[in-house]
Every structure is written in structure tokens, then in C-alpha cells.
């Protein structure tokens, strides 16, 4: 379950963590998985215009440091 946003986030650096279903290792590194992740993140950034400072993808989850322009972008 997601946590409530605790205050205004527009223009602030936010850390976002997302887990895979049941914490399963669906994101194991490999050429094909890496290419898919880069494509999805690149397309999302181009479509929604959120600034991404850092992204680390592990087998069962990922962390991102982002700056949204509105609270709605985090969903």
C-alpha cells in the first residue's frame, strides 16, 4: 500500500521505491532486461517530463531520485 504524500513535492527531490509483485526477482540484470528498463524509463521521462537524477534497479525492486513538477506525477 502506498503512503500518503506528506506535503508539497513539486520541485523537490523525492526518493521513490517500487517493488515487484511478491518481491520476486523479475528484474534480474541481463542485456534484454536492461534494454527494456532503459526504454520504459526513457519513454516515461519523455512523456511526463519528470527529471530523473538517479535510478538503481535491483532484482526485486528499484529506487529513483526524481523531481516531479506536481504531486500527481508521482502516481
PDB file of N, CA and C in Angstrom:
ATOM      1  N   UNK A   1       0.842  -1.172   0.000  1.00  0.00           N
ATOM      2  CA  UNK A   1       0.000   0.000   0.000  1.00  0.00           C
ATOM      3  C   UNK A   1       0.894   1.244   0.000  1.00  0.00           C
ATOM      4  N   UNK A   2       0.546   2.225  -0.793  1.00  0.00           N
ATOM      5  CA  UNK A   2       1.328   3.450  -0.892  1.00  0.00           C
ATOM      6  C   UNK A   2       1.093   4.340   0.324  1.00  0.00           C
ATOM      7  N   UNK A   3       2.111   5.102   0.649  1.00  0.00           N
ATOM      8  CA  UNK A   3       1.984   6.064   1.748  1.00  0.00           C
ATOM      9  C   UNK A   3       1.393   7.357   1.232  1.00  0.00           C
ATOM     10  N   UNK A   4       0.743   8.083   2.134  1.00  0.00           N
ATOM     11  CA  UNK A   4       0.220   9.397   1.773  1.00  0.00           C
ATOM     12  C   UNK A   4       1.372  10.357   1.548  1.00  0.00           C
ATOM     13  N   UNK A   5       1.203  11.268   0.613  1.00  0.00           N
ATOM     14  CA  UNK A   5       2.196  12.301   0.391  1.00  0.00           C
ATOM     15  C   UNK A   5       2.137  13.256   1.563  1.00  0.00           C
ATOM     16  N   UNK A   6       3.280  13.541   2.176  1.00  0.00           N
ATOM     17  CA  UNK A   6       3.317  14.293   3.432  1.00  0.00           C
ATOM     18  C   UNK A   6       3.367  15.805   3.266  1.00  0.00           C
ATOM     19  N   UNK A   7       3.431  16.277   2.081  1.00  0.00           N
ATOM     20  CA  UNK A   7       3.472  17.715   1.872  1.00  0.00           C
ATOM     21  C   UNK A   7       3.670  18.016   0.402  1.00  0.00           C
ATOM     22  N   UNK A   8       3.848  19.258   0.060  1.00  0.00           N
ATOM     23  CA  UNK A   8       4.042  19.604  -1.344  1.00  0.00           C
ATOM     24  C   UNK A   8       5.369  19.035  -1.846  1.00  0.00           C
ATOM     25  N   UNK A   9       5.339  18.399  -3.007  1.00  0.00           N
ATOM     26  CA  UNK A   9       6.543  17.793  -3.550  1.00  0.00           C
ATOM     27  C   UNK A   9       6.998  18.448  -4.847  1.00  0.00           C
ATOM     28  N   UNK A  10       6.201  19.330  -5.400  1.00  0.00           N
ATOM     29  CA  UNK A  10       6.544  19.958  -6.672  1.00  0.00           C
ATOM     30  C   UNK A  10       7.871  20.700  -6.565  1.00  0.00           C
ATOM     31  N   UNK A  11       8.805  20.334  -7.436  1.00  0.00           N
ATOM     32  CA  UNK A  11      10.104  20.988  -7.466  1.00  0.00           C
ATOM     33  C   UNK A  11      11.080  20.510  -6.406  1.00  0.00           C
ATOM     34  N   UNK A  12      10.736  19.495  -5.642  1.00  0.00           N
ATOM     35  CA  UNK A  12      11.623  18.968  -4.599  1.00  0.00           C
ATOM     36  C   UNK A  12      12.142  17.594  -4.982  1.00  0.00           C
ATOM     37  N   UNK A  13      13.325  17.266  -4.512  1.00  0.00           N
ATOM     38  CA  UNK A  13      13.911  15.957  -4.750  1.00  0.00           C
ATOM     39  C   UNK A  13      13.177  14.915  -3.902  1.00  0.00           C
ATOM     40  N   UNK A  14      12.719  13.852  -4.540  1.00  0.00           N
ATOM     41  CA  UNK A  14      11.931  12.819  -3.869  1.00  0.00           C
ATOM     42  C   UNK A  14      12.564  11.464  -4.162  1.00  0.00           C
ATOM     43  N   UNK A  15      12.616  10.598  -3.151  1.00  0.00           N
ATOM     44  CA  UNK A  15      13.094   9.232  -3.350  1.00  0.00           C
ATOM     45  C   UNK A  15      11.881   8.329  -3.516  1.00  0.00           C
ATOM     46  N   UNK A  16      11.873   7.551  -4.593  1.00  0.00           N
ATOM     47  CA  UNK A  16      10.755   6.667  -4.905  1.00  0.00           C
ATOM     48  C   UNK A  16      11.271   5.229  -4.937  1.00  0.00           C
ATOM     49  N   UNK A  17      10.571   4.331  -4.263  1.00  0.00           N
ATOM     50  CA  UNK A  17      10.912   2.913  -4.276  1.00  0.00           C
ATOM     51  C   UNK A  17       9.707   2.130  -4.762  1.00  0.00           C
ATOM     52  N   UNK A  18       9.942   1.190  -5.663  1.00  0.00           N
ATOM     53  CA  UNK A  18       8.878   0.347  -6.173  1.00  0.00           C
ATOM     54  C   UNK A  18       9.351  -1.103  -6.130  1.00  0.00           C
ATOM     55  N   UNK A  19       8.494  -1.978  -5.598  1.00  0.00           N
ATOM     56  CA  UNK A  19       8.827  -3.399  -5.520  1.00  0.00           C
ATOM     57  C   UNK A  19       8.092  -4.178  -6.601  1.00  0.00           C
ATOM     58  N   UNK A  20       8.663  -5.312  -6.969  1.00  0.00           N
ATOM     59  CA  UNK A  20       7.968  -6.210  -7.886  1.00  0.00           C
ATOM     60  C   UNK A  20       6.893  -6.978  -7.109  1.00  0.00           C
ATOM     61  N   UNK A  21       6.034  -7.667  -7.794  1.00  0.00           N
ATOM     62  CA  UNK A  21       4.966  -8.440  -7.162  1.00  0.00           C
ATOM     63  C   UNK A  21       5.588  -9.520  -6.274  1.00  0.00           C
ATOM     64  N   UNK A  22       5.200  -9.541  -5.009  1.00  0.00           N
ATOM     65  CA  UNK A  22       5.686 -10.514  -4.026  1.00  0.00           C
ATOM     66  C   UNK A  22       7.201 -10.471  -3.857  1.00  0.00           C
ATOM     67  N   UNK A  23       7.852  -9.400  -4.276  1.00  0.00           N
ATOM     68  CA  UNK A  23       9.303  -9.285  -4.134  1.00  0.00           C
ATOM     69  C   UNK A  23      10.073 -10.276  -4.993  1.00  0.00           C
ATOM     70  N   UNK A  24       9.439 -10.778  -6.045  1.00  0.00           N
ATOM     71  CA  UNK A  24      10.090 -11.773  -6.903  1.00  0.00           C
ATOM     72  C   UNK A  24      11.163 -11.114  -7.751  1.00  0.00           C
ATOM     73  N   UNK A  25      12.120 -11.897  -8.187  1.00  0.00           N
ATOM     74  CA  UNK A  25      13.283 -11.382  -8.910  1.00  0.00           C
ATOM     75  C   UNK A  25      13.022 -11.289 -10.416  1.00  0.00           C
ATOM     76  N   UNK A  26      12.083 -10.453 -10.800  1.00  0.00           N
ATOM     77  CA  UNK A  26      11.746 -10.284 -12.207  1.00  0.00           C
ATOM     78  C   UNK A  26      12.715  -9.356 -12.942  1.00  0.00           C
ATOM     79  N   UNK A  27      13.501  -8.584 -12.220  1.00  0.00           N
ATOM     80  CA  UNK A  27      14.368  -7.584 -12.838  1.00  0.00           C
ATOM     81  C   UNK A  27      15.833  -8.013 -12.834  1.00  0.00           C
ATOM     82  N   UNK A  28      16.099  -9.304 -12.948  1.00  0.00           N
ATOM     83  CA  UNK A  28      17.482  -9.785 -12.965  1.00  0.00           C
ATOM     84  C   UNK A  28      18.249  -9.136 -14.090  1.00  0.00           C
ATOM     85  N   UNK A  29      19.468  -8.643 -13.823  1.00  0.00           N
ATOM     86  CA  UNK A  29      20.234  -7.971 -14.875  1.00  0.00           C
ATOM     87  C   UNK A  29      20.556  -8.899 -16.043  1.00  0.00           C
ATOM     88  N   UNK A  30      20.509  -8.341 -17.197  1.00  0.00           N
ATOM     89  CA  UNK A  30      20.832  -9.047 -18.433  1.00  0.00           C
ATOM     90  C   UNK A  30      20.612  -8.095 -19.587  1.00  0.00           C
ATOM     91  N   UNK A  31      21.175  -8.363 -20.727  1.00  0.00           N
ATOM     92  CA  UNK A  31      21.056  -7.430 -21.859  1.00  0.00           C
ATOM     93  C   UNK A  31      19.604  -7.097 -22.232  1.00  0.00           C
ATOM     94  N   UNK A  32      18.743  -8.103 -22.259  1.00  0.00           N
ATOM     95  CA  UNK A  32      17.355  -7.860 -22.663  1.00  0.00           C
ATOM     96  C   UNK A  32      16.590  -7.083 -21.595  1.00  0.00           C
ATOM     97  N   UNK A  33      16.717  -7.456 -20.341  1.00  0.00           N
ATOM     98  CA  UNK A  33      16.029  -6.759 -19.247  1.00  0.00           C
ATOM     99  C   UNK A  33      16.539  -5.326 -19.134  1.00  0.00           C
ATOM    100  N   UNK A  34      17.856  -5.128 -19.241  1.00  0.00           N
ATOM    101  CA  UNK A  34      18.426  -3.775 -19.163  1.00  0.00           C
ATOM    102  C   UNK A  34      17.880  -2.884 -20.278  1.00  0.00           C
ATOM    103  N   UNK A  35      17.783  -3.418 -21.491  1.00  0.00           N
ATOM    104  CA  UNK A  35      17.259  -2.638 -22.615  1.00  0.00           C
ATOM    105  C   UNK A  35      15.794  -2.269 -22.396  1.00  0.00           C
ATOM    106  N   UNK A  36      15.005  -3.203 -21.860  1.00  0.00           N
ATOM    107  CA  UNK A  36      13.593  -2.923 -21.595  1.00  0.00           C
ATOM    108  C   UNK A  36      13.446  -1.837 -20.539  1.00  0.00           C
ATOM    109  N   UNK A  37      14.222  -1.931 -19.459  1.00  0.00           N
ATOM    110  CA  UNK A  37      14.152  -0.932 -18.379  1.00  0.00           C
ATOM    111  C   UNK A  37      14.537   0.446 -18.895  1.00  0.00           C
ATOM    112  N   UNK A  38      15.623   0.527 -19.661  1.00  0.00           N
ATOM    113  CA  UNK A  38      16.041   1.823 -20.219  1.00  0.00           C
ATOM    114  C   UNK A  38      14.962   2.406 -21.129  1.00  0.00           C
ATOM    115  N   UNK A  39      14.354   1.566 -21.941  1.00  0.00           N
ATOM    116  CA  UNK A  39      13.305   2.042 -22.840  1.00  0.00           C
ATOM    117  C   UNK A  39      12.075   2.539 -22.100  1.00  0.00           C
ATOM    118  N   UNK A  40      11.658   1.795 -21.077  1.00  0.00           N
ATOM    119  CA  UNK A  40      10.471   2.191 -20.312  1.00  0.00           C
ATOM    120  C   UNK A  40      10.724   3.490 -19.557  1.00  0.00           C
ATOM    121  N   UNK A  41      11.883   3.605 -18.905  1.00  0.00           N
ATOM    122  CA  UNK A  41      12.204   4.818 -18.150  1.00  0.00           C
ATOM    123  C   UNK A  41      12.359   6.013 -19.090  1.00  0.00           C
ATOM    124  N   UNK A  42      13.022   5.814 -20.221  1.00  0.00           N
ATOM    125  CA  UNK A  42      13.182   6.897 -21.191  1.00  0.00           C
ATOM    126  C   UNK A  42      11.857   7.382 -21.757  1.00  0.00           C
ATOM    127  N   UNK A  43      10.984   6.438 -22.074  1.00  0.00           N
ATOM    128  CA  UNK A  43       9.669   6.812 -22.610  1.00  0.00           C
ATOM    129  C   UNK A  43       8.835   7.544 -21.569  1.00  0.00           C
ATOM    130  N   UNK A  44       8.864   7.063 -20.325  1.00  0.00           N
ATOM    131  CA  UNK A  44       8.113   7.720 -19.251  1.00  0.00           C
ATOM    132  C   UNK A  44       8.639   9.126 -19.000  1.00  0.00           C
ATOM    133  N   UNK A  45       9.966   9.286 -19.021  1.00  0.00           N
ATOM    134  CA  UNK A  45      10.540  10.612 -18.791  1.00  0.00           C
ATOM    135  C   UNK A  45      10.148  11.571 -19.922  1.00  0.00           C
ATOM    136  N   UNK A  46      10.190  11.107 -21.152  1.00  0.00           N
ATOM    137  CA  UNK A  46       9.801  11.955 -22.281  1.00  0.00           C
ATOM    138  C   UNK A  46       8.310  12.294 -22.243  1.00  0.00           C
ATOM    139  N   UNK A  47       7.508  11.337 -21.822  1.00  0.00           N
ATOM    140  CA  UNK A  47       6.055  11.548 -21.823  1.00  0.00           C
ATOM    141  C   UNK A  47       5.584  12.453 -20.695  1.00  0.00           C
ATOM    142  N   UNK A  48       6.163  12.276 -19.499  1.00  0.00           N
ATOM    143  CA  UNK A  48       5.678  13.006 -18.327  1.00  0.00           C
ATOM    144  C   UNK A  48       6.576  14.154 -17.897  1.00  0.00           C
ATOM    145  N   UNK A  49       7.780  14.251 -18.431  1.00  0.00           N
ATOM    146  CA  UNK A  49       8.646  15.389 -18.172  1.00  0.00           C
ATOM    147  C   UNK A  49       9.224  15.482 -16.778  1.00  0.00           C
ATOM    148  N   UNK A  50       9.294  14.378 -16.064  1.00  0.00           N
ATOM    149  CA  UNK A  50       9.867  14.395 -14.723  1.00  0.00           C
ATOM    150  C   UNK A  50      11.384  14.277 -14.820  1.00  0.00           C
ATOM    151  N   UNK A  51      12.089  15.068 -14.039  1.00  0.00           N
ATOM    152  CA  UNK A  51      13.547  14.995 -14.019  1.00  0.00           C
ATOM    153  C   UNK A  51      13.980  13.812 -13.173  1.00  0.00           C
ATOM    154  N   UNK A  52      14.833  12.958 -13.741  1.00  0.00           N
ATOM    155  CA  UNK A  52      15.351  11.793 -13.024  1.00  0.00           C
ATOM    156  C   UNK A  52      16.835  12.019 -12.781  1.00  0.00           C
ATOM    157  N   UNK A  53      17.226  12.056 -11.503  1.00  0.00           N
ATOM    158  CA  UNK A  53      18.619  12.261 -11.156  1.00  0.00           C
ATOM    159  C   UNK A  53      19.383  10.957 -11.024  1.00  0.00           C
ATOM    160  N   UNK A  54      18.759   9.953 -10.466  1.00  0.00           N
ATOM    161  CA  UNK A  54      19.428   8.669 -10.266  1.00  0.00           C
ATOM    162  C   UNK A  54      18.399   7.562 -10.293  1.00  0.00           C
ATOM    163  N   UNK A  55      18.841   6.406 -10.760  1.00  0.00           N
ATOM    164  CA  UNK A  55      17.975   5.239 -10.793  1.00  0.00           C
ATOM    165  C   UNK A  55      18.851   4.018 -10.565  1.00  0.00           C
ATOM    166  N   UNK A  56      18.449   3.185  -9.638  1.00  0.00           N
ATOM    167  CA  UNK A  56      19.146   1.925  -9.417  1.00  0.00           C
ATOM    168  C   UNK A  56      18.102   0.831  -9.430  1.00  0.00           C
ATOM    169  N   UNK A  57      18.356  -0.177 -10.249  1.00  0.00           N
ATOM    170  CA  UNK A  57      17.410  -1.277 -10.404  1.00  0.00           C
ATOM    171  C   UNK A  57      18.064  -2.539  -9.862  1.00  0.00           C
ATOM    172  N   UNK A  58      17.400  -3.160  -8.900  1.00  0.00           N
ATOM    173  CA  UNK A  58      17.854  -4.434  -8.356  1.00  0.00           C
ATOM    174  C   UNK A  58      16.875  -5.515  -8.791  1.00  0.00           C
ATOM    175  N   UNK A  59      17.158  -6.744  -8.491  1.00  0.00           N
ATOM    176  CA  UNK A  59      16.344  -7.852  -8.997  1.00  0.00           C
ATOM    177  C   UNK A  59      14.885  -7.786  -8.566  1.00  0.00           C
ATOM    178  N   UNK A  60      14.602  -7.304  -7.343  1.00  0.00           N
ATOM    179  CA  UNK A  60      13.239  -7.314  -6.845  1.00  0.00           C
ATOM    180  C   UNK A  60      12.629  -5.952  -6.603  1.00  0.00           C
ATOM    181  N   UNK A  61      13.380  -4.872  -6.829  1.00  0.00           N
ATOM    182  CA  UNK A  61      12.848  -3.525  -6.622  1.00  0.00           C
ATOM    183  C   UNK A  61      13.763  -2.492  -7.266  1.00  0.00           C
ATOM    184  N   UNK A  62      13.303  -1.253  -7.269  1.00  0.00           N
ATOM    185  CA  UNK A  62      14.178  -0.178  -7.761  1.00  0.00           C
ATOM    186  C   UNK A  62      13.970   1.074  -6.933  1.00  0.00           C
ATOM    187  N   UNK A  63      14.994   1.926  -6.934  1.00  0.00           N
ATOM    188  CA  UNK A  63      14.962   3.214  -6.247  1.00  0.00           C
ATOM    189  C   UNK A  63      15.240   4.293  -7.283  1.00  0.00           C
ATOM    190  N   UNK A  64      14.565   5.422  -7.136  1.00  0.00           N
ATOM    191  CA  UNK A  64      14.801   6.540  -8.028  1.00  0.00           C
ATOM    192  C   UNK A  64      14.805   7.849  -7.268  1.00  0.00           C
ATOM    193  N   UNK A  65      15.683   8.752  -7.676  1.00  0.00           N
ATOM    194  CA  UNK A  65      15.683  10.121  -7.156  1.00  0.00           C
ATOM    195  C   UNK A  65      15.136  10.997  -8.265  1.00  0.00           C
ATOM    196  N   UNK A  66      13.971  11.577  -8.040  1.00  0.00           N
ATOM    197  CA  UNK A  66      13.263  12.329  -9.069  1.00  0.00           C
ATOM    198  C   UNK A  66      12.811  13.680  -8.535  1.00  0.00           C
ATOM    199  N   UNK A  67      12.539  14.592  -9.461  1.00  0.00           N
ATOM    200  CA  UNK A  67      11.967  15.896  -9.115  1.00  0.00           C
ATOM    201  C   UNK A  67      10.688  16.055  -9.933  1.00  0.00           C
ATOM    202  N   UNK A  68       9.535  15.805  -9.320  1.00  0.00           N
ATOM    203  CA  UNK A  68       8.264  15.964 -10.042  1.00  0.00           C
ATOM    204  C   UNK A  68       7.859  17.440 -10.112  1.00  0.00           C
ATOM    205  N   UNK A  69       7.087  17.772 -11.146  1.00  0.00           N
ATOM    206  CA  UNK A  69       6.581  19.144 -11.257  1.00  0.00           C
ATOM    207  C   UNK A  69       5.245  19.288 -10.555  1.00  0.00           C
ATOM    208  N   UNK A  70       4.611  18.144 -10.166  1.00  0.00           N
ATOM    209  CA  UNK A  70       3.375  18.178  -9.407  1.00  0.00           C
ATOM    210  C   UNK A  70       3.258  16.886  -8.618  1.00  0.00           C
ATOM    211  N   UNK A  71       2.419  16.879  -7.593  1.00  0.00           N
ATOM    212  CA  UNK A  71       2.205  15.679  -6.788  1.00  0.00           C
ATOM    213  C   UNK A  71       1.594  14.562  -7.623  1.00  0.00           C
ATOM    214  N   UNK A  72       0.840  14.928  -8.619  1.00  0.00           N
ATOM    215  CA  UNK A  72       0.176  13.949  -9.474  1.00  0.00           C
ATOM    216  C   UNK A  72       1.163  13.083 -10.260  1.00  0.00           C
ATOM    217  N   UNK A  73       2.331  13.612 -10.566  1.00  0.00           N
ATOM    218  CA  UNK A  73       3.329  12.868 -11.332  1.00  0.00           C
ATOM    219  C   UNK A  73       3.843  11.652 -10.579  1.00  0.00           C
ATOM    220  N   UNK A  74       3.799  11.661  -9.274  1.00  0.00           N
ATOM    221  CA  UNK A  74       4.316  10.527  -8.507  1.00  0.00           C
ATOM    222  C   UNK A  74       3.452   9.287  -8.659  1.00  0.00           C
ATOM    223  N   UNK A  75       2.200   9.434  -8.961  1.00  0.00           N
ATOM    224  CA  UNK A  75       1.351   8.258  -9.140  1.00  0.00           C
ATOM    225  C   UNK A  75       1.661   7.607 -10.466  1.00  0.00           C
TER     226      UNK A  75
END
